[in-house]
Amino acid sequence: MNWVSRISKTSVALALTLGMTSVAVWADTIVITADRMVDVSQGKMIKRAGIIVTDNIIAAAGELGKLSVPANAKRIDLGDATLMPGLMDMHVHLTSDATRHGYKRLEVSLPRAAITGVKHAKATIEAGFTTVRNVGAPGFADVALRDAINAGDVEGPRMFVAGPSLGVTGGHCDSNLLPYEYDNYSEGVADGPWEVRKKVRRNIKYGATVIKFCATGGVLSKGTKVGAQQYTFEEMQALIDEAHLRGLTVATHAHGTSGIKAAIKAGVDSVEHVSLLDDEAIVLAKQHGTYFSMDIYVTEYILGEGEKAGILEESLNKERIVGKTQRENFKKAVDAGVNMVFGSDAGVYPHGDNPKQFARMVQFGMTPMQAIQAATINPARLLKQEATLGSLEEGKLADIVAVPGNPMEDMSLMEKVGFVMKDGRIVKQYAM
């Protein structure tokens, strides 16, 4: 199959002359066709599908035979491929380098992290993720990266950014690698209800569009107990209330059971990791409409490559404890009907490898359709962006990806994205 068939001959010829491996084209009207398309809103597959894109908006989508295709539309025929909405990853750290963990991260300056983020942003969008939620970056480096992408200076996904993650002194979101005499703290450290409110306001001032805080200890933080609650309920309540007053959604890092439940009761929008949940936590999540973002692939990288990347032995031991339990609890949450979103924790493992999680989501309890919905319509609802993102419907932004074959039969095909359009602009188009 040739992914570049029947598109603007001038644009393709120019790209080939310049030796480009991806093509960026803007046309007034484009019709994209393929053997099938995923309707994530209805949870069904449409055969012999087409999508009409006018400028950056989807004008129509559905069975090709039922669409009124303008006579002057440019055509992109993908053949035996599956069209779906641009993928959305709700837990990434684009300015973090998966080859640098533990003490190796002390070598990385803020400017260097931001520059590295440019490379990671490109790898992420070429993997099919047109929207991400960056849940924590020092020095508002994620804000700078987002603004550079929005200005067209660099290639990357649409970003919802948190800035520095908020956490207690000595907690998972603090910097605990250096001894006392260095008096070193992460900039998101805040203790007490009024201090956390102040930090939320500061993050918003400098460009955050979501808020992230740490409710419990973590795997990769030195000296924290992975299941121990850190923020009190009162602190969580103040933090979440302040963010909601300003119209922002809130994500919390939470492995431990008490921290998960306290955050849900305090009104958090999504819980990340959710390793040690219990039946009550599942009931609470369903009652409150809370979303779970469970990174069930990353354990393979941590235990397989983590030591070489600098992950501390303490952290490797913690992952050995929580990894298997998290996967078992993932199935429990899916079976119970909890709202689920795709969250990879890319940055702990290499950016661009995000799609490897799809096969694990199916292996550990989801149907293929549920896995795709977790990376499309569900994140759009979590971010309150369902009016413009998350599905292939008239009036929504033209974020479109395609994979060869049928991922409903083989979810590993999600790792072979061959076509990416973001906001009506073709970012990637490879011959197969």
Protein backbone atom coordinates (compact mmCIF):
# COMPACT_ATOMS: atom_id res chain seq x y z
CA MET A 1 0.00 0.00 0.00
CA ASN A 2 1.22 3.51 -0.76
CA TRP A 3 0.24 6.02 1.93
CA VAL A 4 1.03 8.97 -0.35
CA SER A 5 -1.17 7.99 -3.28
CA ARG A 6 -3.41 10.60 -4.90
CA ILE A 7 -2.36 13.54 -2.73
CA SER A 8 -1.00 16.85 -4.03
CA LYS A 9 1.62 15.83 -6.60
CA THR A 10 3.48 19.10 -6.14
CA SER A 11 3.79 18.64 -2.36
CA VAL A 12 4.92 15.03 -2.64
CA ALA A 13 7.45 15.83 -5.37
CA LEU A 14 8.89 18.64 -3.28
CA ALA A 15 9.13 16.38 -0.25
CA LEU A 16 10.93 13.69 -2.22
CA THR A 17 13.31 16.26 -3.71
CA LEU A 18 14.22 17.44 -0.21
CA GLY A 19 14.65 13.86 1.03
CA MET A 20 11.84 14.19 3.58
CA THR A 21 10.40 11.08 5.25
CA SER A 22 7.21 12.87 6.28
CA VAL A 23 5.01 15.29 4.37
CA ALA A 24 3.28 18.41 5.67
CA VAL A 25 0.39 19.54 3.46
CA TRP A 26 -2.41 22.05 3.92
CA ALA A 27 -5.27 21.88 1.42
CA ASP A 28 -8.68 23.55 1.46
CA THR A 29 -10.47 20.19 1.28
CA ILE A 30 -9.03 16.69 1.66
CA VAL A 31 -10.87 13.38 1.67
CA ILE A 32 -9.11 10.51 3.44
CA THR A 33 -10.34 7.00 2.71
CA ALA A 34 -9.53 3.57 4.13
CA ASP A 35 -11.03 0.11 4.42
CA ARG A 36 -12.26 0.85 7.93
CA MET A 37 -12.67 3.57 10.57
CA VAL A 38 -13.15 3.39 14.35
CA ASP A 39 -16.27 5.19 15.61
CA VAL A 40 -15.19 5.61 19.23
CA SER A 41 -18.40 7.39 20.25
CA GLN A 42 -20.58 4.46 19.22
CA GLY A 43 -17.96 1.78 19.88
CA LYS A 44 -18.15 0.27 16.41
CA MET A 45 -16.12 -0.18 13.22
CA ILE A 46 -17.24 1.45 9.97
CA LYS A 47 -16.20 -0.28 6.74
CA ARG A 48 -15.22 1.50 3.50
CA ALA A 49 -14.84 4.75 5.39
CA GLY A 50 -14.05 8.32 4.48
CA ILE A 51 -13.28 11.57 6.28
CA ILE A 52 -13.70 14.97 4.63
CA VAL A 53 -11.43 17.64 6.07
CA THR A 54 -11.91 21.31 5.26
CA ASP A 55 -9.00 23.41 6.47
CA ASN A 56 -8.51 22.04 10.02
CA ILE A 57 -12.06 20.82 10.70
CA ILE A 58 -13.77 17.50 10.01
CA ALA A 59 -16.62 18.35 7.66
CA ALA A 60 -18.00 14.81 7.53
CA ALA A 61 -17.01 11.24 8.42
CA GLY A 62 -18.58 7.83 7.92
CA GLU A 63 -19.28 5.33 5.18
CA LEU A 64 -17.70 6.68 2.02
CA GLY A 65 -20.76 5.89 -0.08
CA LYS A 66 -22.92 8.14 2.09
CA LEU A 67 -20.60 11.17 1.98
CA SER A 68 -20.92 14.08 -0.46
CA VAL A 69 -17.31 14.45 -1.54
CA PRO A 70 -16.48 17.80 -3.20
CA ALA A 71 -15.30 17.34 -6.77
CA ASN A 72 -12.14 19.39 -6.19
CA ALA A 73 -11.09 17.60 -2.98
CA LYS A 74 -7.59 16.21 -2.75
CA ARG A 75 -7.66 12.44 -2.18
CA ILE A 76 -5.61 10.29 0.20
CA ASP A 77 -6.43 6.61 -0.27
CA LEU A 78 -4.92 4.45 2.49
CA GLY A 79 -6.42 1.14 1.39
CA ASP A 80 -6.17 -1.69 3.92
CA ALA A 81 -5.82 0.59 6.92
CA THR A 82 -7.85 1.73 9.92
CA LEU A 83 -8.65 5.38 10.55
CA MET A 84 -9.11 6.59 14.11
CA PRO A 85 -8.97 9.85 16.06
CA GLY A 86 -5.60 11.27 17.01
CA LEU A 87 -4.41 9.36 20.07
CA MET A 88 -4.22 11.02 23.50
CA ASP A 89 -1.78 10.11 26.29
CA MET A 90 -2.77 11.49 29.68
CA HIS A 91 0.51 10.86 31.49
CA VAL A 92 3.77 11.91 29.87
CA HIS A 93 6.89 13.83 30.85
CA LEU A 94 8.23 15.15 27.55
CA THR A 95 11.20 16.94 29.11
CA SER A 96 12.34 13.79 30.94
CA ASP A 97 14.91 11.44 29.43
CA ALA A 98 14.32 7.71 29.95
CA THR A 99 18.07 7.03 29.87
CA ARG A 100 18.66 9.30 32.88
CA HIS A 101 17.19 8.31 36.22
CA GLY A 102 18.24 8.68 39.85
CA TYR A 103 21.44 10.66 40.32
CA LYS A 104 21.92 10.95 36.56
CA ARG A 105 19.07 13.47 36.50
CA LEU A 106 21.09 15.89 38.63
CA GLU A 107 23.32 16.43 35.58
CA VAL A 108 20.48 17.81 33.46
CA SER A 109 19.95 21.58 33.39
CA LEU A 110 16.56 23.16 32.73
CA PRO A 111 17.60 24.44 29.28
CA ARG A 112 18.90 20.98 28.39
CA ALA A 113 15.64 19.36 29.52
CA ALA A 114 13.61 21.77 27.38
CA ILE A 115 15.77 21.08 24.32
CA THR A 116 15.47 17.33 24.88
CA GLY A 117 11.72 17.83 25.02
CA VAL A 118 11.76 18.98 21.39
CA LYS A 119 13.07 15.58 20.31
CA HIS A 120 10.57 13.77 22.52
CA ALA A 121 7.66 15.83 21.22
CA LYS A 122 8.47 14.84 17.64
CA ALA A 123 8.77 11.15 18.57
CA THR A 124 5.44 11.33 20.39
CA ILE A 125 3.40 12.82 17.58
CA GLU A 126 4.98 10.49 15.03
CA ALA A 127 3.79 7.59 17.23
CA GLY A 128 0.24 8.87 16.67
CA PHE A 129 -0.32 10.91 19.82
CA THR A 130 -1.66 14.28 18.74
CA THR A 131 -2.59 15.36 22.27
CA VAL A 132 -0.82 14.75 25.59
CA ARG A 133 -1.15 15.80 29.20
CA ASN A 134 2.32 16.60 30.56
CA VAL A 135 1.95 15.92 34.28
CA GLY A 136 5.01 17.57 35.77
CA ALA A 137 8.12 19.40 34.58
CA PRO A 138 10.57 21.59 36.49
CA GLY A 139 10.97 25.27 35.68
CA PHE A 140 7.83 25.35 33.49
CA ALA A 141 9.87 23.75 30.71
CA ASP A 142 6.68 22.04 29.52
CA VAL A 143 5.00 25.45 29.18
CA ALA A 144 7.86 26.63 26.98
CA LEU A 145 7.65 23.49 24.87
CA ARG A 146 3.89 23.82 24.48
CA ASP A 147 4.23 27.45 23.41
CA ALA A 148 6.94 26.54 20.87
CA ILE A 149 4.68 23.84 19.40
CA ASN A 150 1.72 26.21 19.26
CA ALA A 151 3.86 28.84 17.51
CA GLY A 152 4.95 26.30 14.90
CA ASP A 153 8.60 26.50 15.92
CA VAL A 154 8.84 22.76 16.63
CA GLU A 155 6.79 19.66 15.77
CA GLY A 156 4.79 18.04 18.54
CA PRO A 157 1.43 17.13 20.02
CA ARG A 158 -1.14 19.46 21.49
CA MET A 159 -0.08 19.83 25.13
CA PHE A 160 -2.01 20.29 28.36
CA VAL A 161 0.70 21.14 30.89
CA ALA A 162 1.04 21.06 34.68
CA GLY A 163 4.34 22.84 35.30
CA PRO A 164 6.01 21.70 38.56
CA SER A 165 4.14 18.93 40.37
CA LEU A 166 2.95 19.79 43.88
CA GLY A 167 3.97 17.71 46.88
CA VAL A 168 4.86 17.65 50.56
CA THR A 169 8.33 18.24 51.95
CA GLY A 170 10.31 15.03 51.47
CA GLY A 171 7.53 13.42 49.44
CA HIS A 172 7.45 11.89 46.00
CA CYS A 173 7.29 15.28 44.26
CA ASP A 174 10.23 16.67 46.25
CA SER A 175 13.93 16.29 45.38
CA ASN A 176 15.36 13.83 47.91
CA LEU A 177 18.67 12.79 46.37
CA LEU A 178 20.96 15.33 48.06
CA PRO A 179 21.88 15.50 51.79
CA TYR A 180 20.81 18.16 54.29
CA GLU A 181 23.65 20.62 53.70
CA TYR A 182 22.47 21.30 50.14
CA ASP A 183 19.04 22.46 51.40
CA ASN A 184 17.54 21.28 48.11
CA TYR A 185 13.78 21.24 47.49
CA SER A 186 11.62 20.87 44.41
CA GLU A 187 9.83 24.06 43.44
CA GLY A 188 6.40 22.43 43.79
CA VAL A 189 6.80 21.67 47.51
CA ALA A 190 3.95 23.09 49.57
CA ASP A 191 2.73 22.16 53.05
CA GLY A 192 -0.64 23.17 54.47
CA PRO A 193 -3.92 24.21 52.83
CA TRP A 194 -2.99 27.84 52.14
CA GLU A 195 0.46 26.97 50.82
CA VAL A 196 -0.98 24.51 48.33
CA ARG A 197 -3.50 27.11 47.18
CA LYS A 198 -0.63 29.54 46.63
CA LYS A 199 1.31 26.99 44.56
CA VAL A 200 -1.74 26.29 42.40
CA ARG A 201 -2.08 30.02 41.77
CA ARG A 202 1.62 30.28 40.93
CA ASN A 203 1.45 27.41 38.45
CA ILE A 204 -1.53 28.98 36.72
CA LYS A 205 0.25 32.35 36.62
CA TYR A 206 3.12 30.84 34.69
CA GLY A 207 1.04 28.90 32.18
CA ALA A 208 -0.20 25.62 33.67
CA THR A 209 -3.46 24.33 32.20
CA VAL A 210 -3.79 21.30 34.50
CA ILE A 211 -2.63 20.71 38.08
CA LYS A 212 -0.74 17.63 39.27
CA PHE A 213 0.01 16.69 42.87
CA CYS A 214 1.44 13.70 44.70
CA ALA A 215 -0.93 12.05 47.17
CA THR A 216 1.34 9.13 48.09
CA GLY A 217 4.90 7.93 47.90
CA GLY A 218 6.27 6.67 44.62
CA VAL A 219 8.43 4.05 42.96
CA LEU A 220 11.13 6.34 41.59
CA SER A 221 11.53 8.72 44.54
CA LYS A 222 14.27 8.16 47.09
CA GLY A 223 13.13 7.54 50.65
CA THR A 224 9.36 7.40 50.13
CA LYS A 225 7.09 4.47 50.92
CA VAL A 226 5.16 3.69 47.80
CA GLY A 227 1.84 3.10 49.55
CA ALA A 228 2.02 5.84 52.20
CA GLN A 229 -0.37 8.79 52.00
CA GLN A 230 1.43 12.15 51.98
CA TYR A 231 -0.98 15.07 51.63
CA THR A 232 -3.80 15.17 54.18
CA PHE A 233 -7.40 15.23 53.04
CA GLU A 234 -7.65 18.92 54.02
CA GLU A 235 -4.62 19.80 51.90
CA MET A 236 -5.97 17.84 48.92
CA GLN A 237 -9.36 19.48 49.26
CA ALA A 238 -7.86 22.98 49.29
CA LEU A 239 -5.60 22.25 46.32
CA ILE A 240 -8.36 20.74 44.19
CA ASP A 241 -10.85 23.45 45.13
CA GLU A 242 -8.39 26.17 44.10
CA ALA A 243 -7.76 24.53 40.73
CA HIS A 244 -11.46 23.97 40.08
CA LEU A 245 -12.21 27.60 40.93
CA ARG A 246 -9.96 28.52 38.01
CA GLY A 247 -11.48 25.93 35.67
CA LEU A 248 -8.52 23.50 35.66
CA THR A 249 -8.70 19.73 36.05
CA VAL A 250 -6.48 17.96 38.60
CA ALA A 251 -4.45 14.76 38.39
CA THR A 252 -2.91 13.03 41.38
CA HIS A 253 -0.04 10.57 41.61
CA ALA A 254 -1.32 7.87 43.99
CA HIS A 255 -0.14 4.29 44.46
CA GLY A 256 -1.38 3.72 48.02
CA THR A 257 -4.94 2.82 48.94
CA SER A 258 -5.62 5.56 51.52
CA GLY A 259 -4.19 8.27 49.25
CA ILE A 260 -6.26 7.08 46.29
CA LYS A 261 -9.48 7.19 48.31
CA ALA A 262 -8.72 10.52 49.98
CA ALA A 263 -8.02 12.15 46.60
CA ILE A 264 -11.24 10.80 45.09
CA LYS A 265 -13.26 12.05 48.06
CA ALA A 266 -11.55 15.45 47.75
CA GLY A 267 -12.77 15.71 44.16
CA VAL A 268 -9.71 14.89 42.03
CA ASP A 269 -10.42 14.43 38.32
CA SER A 270 -7.97 11.59 37.65
CA VAL A 271 -5.79 9.26 39.68
CA GLU A 272 -2.46 8.17 38.19
CA HIS A 273 -0.92 4.70 38.67
CA VAL A 274 -3.64 3.47 41.10
CA SER A 275 -1.52 0.43 42.01
CA LEU A 276 -2.89 -0.57 45.42
CA LEU A 277 -6.59 0.16 45.12
CA ASP A 278 -9.30 -1.79 46.93
CA ASP A 279 -13.00 -2.41 46.32
CA GLU A 280 -14.00 0.77 48.15
CA ALA A 281 -11.74 2.83 45.88
CA ILE A 282 -13.47 1.38 42.84
CA VAL A 283 -16.90 2.19 44.28
CA LEU A 284 -15.79 5.74 45.09
CA ALA A 285 -14.35 6.26 41.60
CA LYS A 286 -17.63 5.20 40.02
CA GLN A 287 -19.66 7.41 42.39
CA HIS A 288 -17.51 10.48 41.71
CA GLY A 289 -16.90 9.87 38.00
CA THR A 290 -13.15 9.79 38.62
CA TYR A 291 -10.83 8.63 35.85
CA PHE A 292 -8.04 6.10 36.38
CA SER A 293 -4.79 6.38 34.41
CA MET A 294 -2.84 3.16 34.94
CA ASP A 295 0.61 2.83 33.33
CA ILE A 296 0.71 -0.94 33.05
CA TYR A 297 3.46 -1.21 30.43
CA VAL A 298 6.17 0.81 32.20
CA THR A 299 6.99 -1.93 34.72
CA GLU A 300 8.62 -3.91 31.90
CA TYR A 301 11.04 -1.07 31.15
CA ILE A 302 11.82 -0.34 34.79
CA LEU A 303 12.66 -3.94 35.62
CA GLY A 304 14.34 -4.65 32.28
CA GLU A 305 16.32 -1.49 31.56
CA GLY A 306 16.01 0.58 34.72
CA GLU A 307 19.28 -0.31 36.41
CA LYS A 308 21.26 0.67 33.30
CA ALA A 309 19.36 3.98 33.17
CA GLY A 310 20.27 4.81 36.78
CA ILE A 311 17.11 3.76 38.61
CA LEU A 312 18.01 3.16 42.25
CA GLU A 313 17.89 -0.36 43.68
CA GLU A 314 15.40 0.93 46.23
CA SER A 315 13.11 1.91 43.34
CA LEU A 316 13.57 -1.38 41.52
CA ASN A 317 12.49 -3.22 44.67
CA LYS A 318 9.38 -1.06 44.96
CA GLU A 319 8.46 -1.75 41.33
CA ARG A 320 8.80 -5.49 41.94
CA ILE A 321 6.18 -5.11 44.66
CA VAL A 322 3.63 -2.92 42.89
CA GLY A 323 3.91 -3.89 39.21
CA LYS A 324 2.05 -7.20 39.33
CA THR A 325 -0.57 -5.87 41.75
CA GLN A 326 -1.22 -2.84 39.54
CA ARG A 327 -1.97 -5.07 36.56
CA GLU A 328 -4.37 -7.20 38.60
CA ASN A 329 -6.14 -4.07 39.82
CA PHE A 330 -6.30 -2.72 36.28
CA LYS A 331 -8.50 -5.67 35.36
CA LYS A 332 -10.68 -5.13 38.45
CA ALA A 333 -11.22 -1.47 37.54
CA VAL A 334 -12.02 -2.28 33.91
CA ASP A 335 -14.46 -5.04 34.87
CA ALA A 336 -16.19 -2.69 37.32
CA GLY A 337 -16.69 -0.03 34.64
CA VAL A 338 -14.46 2.71 36.07
CA ASN A 339 -13.68 5.57 33.67
CA MET A 340 -10.27 4.70 32.19
CA VAL A 341 -7.80 6.78 30.19
CA PHE A 342 -4.53 5.90 28.47
CA GLY A 343 -1.54 7.05 30.55
CA SER A 344 1.89 5.69 29.71
CA ASP A 345 4.34 7.59 31.98
CA ALA A 346 6.57 8.08 28.92
CA GLY A 347 9.72 9.74 30.12
CA VAL A 348 10.24 6.92 32.56
CA TYR A 349 10.54 4.80 29.42
CA PRO A 350 11.36 6.07 25.88
CA HIS A 351 9.06 8.56 24.21
CA GLY A 352 7.57 7.18 21.03
CA ASP A 353 7.15 3.76 22.62
CA ASN A 354 3.80 4.88 24.09
CA PRO A 355 1.73 2.57 21.81
CA LYS A 356 3.30 -0.54 23.34
CA GLN A 357 0.83 -0.14 26.19
CA PHE A 358 -2.19 -0.88 23.96
CA ALA A 359 -1.44 -4.60 23.72
CA ARG A 360 -0.94 -4.78 27.51
CA MET A 361 -4.28 -3.06 28.11
CA VAL A 362 -5.99 -5.77 26.09
CA GLN A 363 -3.88 -8.51 27.68
CA PHE A 364 -4.91 -7.37 31.15
CA GLY A 365 -8.63 -6.92 30.67
CA MET A 366 -9.78 -4.44 28.04
CA THR A 367 -11.39 -5.14 24.70
CA PRO A 368 -9.55 -3.57 21.74
CA MET A 369 -12.33 -1.00 21.41
CA GLN A 370 -12.07 -0.05 25.08
CA ALA A 371 -8.32 0.41 24.73
CA ILE A 372 -8.76 2.76 21.76
CA GLN A 373 -11.54 4.66 23.53
CA ALA A 374 -9.20 5.05 26.53
CA ALA A 375 -6.81 6.91 24.24
CA THR A 376 -9.39 9.00 22.36
CA ILE A 377 -12.87 9.92 23.55
CA ASN A 378 -12.27 9.25 27.26
CA PRO A 379 -9.30 11.66 27.59
CA ALA A 380 -11.27 14.29 25.67
CA ARG A 381 -14.03 13.99 28.27
CA LEU A 382 -11.56 14.09 31.16
CA LEU A 383 -10.02 17.30 29.81
CA LYS A 384 -13.48 18.72 29.00
CA GLN A 385 -12.45 18.97 25.34
CA GLU A 386 -14.99 16.55 23.85
CA ALA A 387 -16.54 19.36 21.77
CA THR A 388 -13.38 19.56 19.66
CA LEU A 389 -11.30 16.42 20.26
CA GLY A 390 -11.52 12.67 20.78
CA SER A 391 -13.63 11.37 17.90
CA LEU A 392 -14.04 11.58 14.12
CA GLU A 393 -17.20 13.66 13.93
CA GLU A 394 -18.40 16.69 12.05
CA GLY A 395 -17.17 19.96 13.55
CA LYS A 396 -14.25 18.50 15.49
CA LEU A 397 -10.60 19.31 14.88
CA ALA A 398 -8.99 17.15 12.21
CA ASP A 399 -6.73 15.02 14.42
CA ILE A 400 -6.57 11.72 12.51
CA VAL A 401 -4.25 8.71 12.56
CA ALA A 402 -4.18 5.46 10.65
CA VAL A 403 -2.55 2.09 11.14
CA PRO A 404 -2.17 -0.70 8.57
CA GLY A 405 -4.61 -3.57 8.86
CA ASN A 406 -7.18 -4.05 11.61
CA PRO A 407 -6.07 -3.38 15.21
CA MET A 408 -9.21 -5.08 16.52
CA GLU A 409 -7.59 -8.31 15.39
CA ASP A 410 -4.01 -7.42 16.38
CA MET A 411 -3.39 -4.60 18.86
CA SER A 412 0.33 -4.60 18.12
CA LEU A 413 -0.62 -2.75 14.92
CA MET A 414 -1.11 0.33 17.12
CA GLU A 415 2.69 0.43 17.25
CA LYS A 416 2.83 0.94 13.45
CA VAL A 417 1.08 4.26 12.90
CA GLY A 418 1.65 5.22 9.26
CA PHE A 419 -0.42 8.39 8.93
CA VAL A 420 -0.77 11.32 11.33
CA MET A 421 -2.78 14.49 10.84
CA LYS A 422 -2.95 17.11 13.58
CA ASP A 423 -5.27 20.10 13.31
CA GLY A 424 -5.77 19.51 9.58
CA ARG A 425 -2.04 19.32 8.82
CA ILE A 426 -0.36 16.11 7.70
CA VAL A 427 2.57 15.43 10.01
CA LYS A 428 3.54 11.92 8.94
CA GLN A 429 2.82 9.81 5.89
CA TYR A 430 4.97 6.75 5.26
CA ALA A 431 4.98 4.24 2.44
CA MET A 432 4.17 0.71 3.68
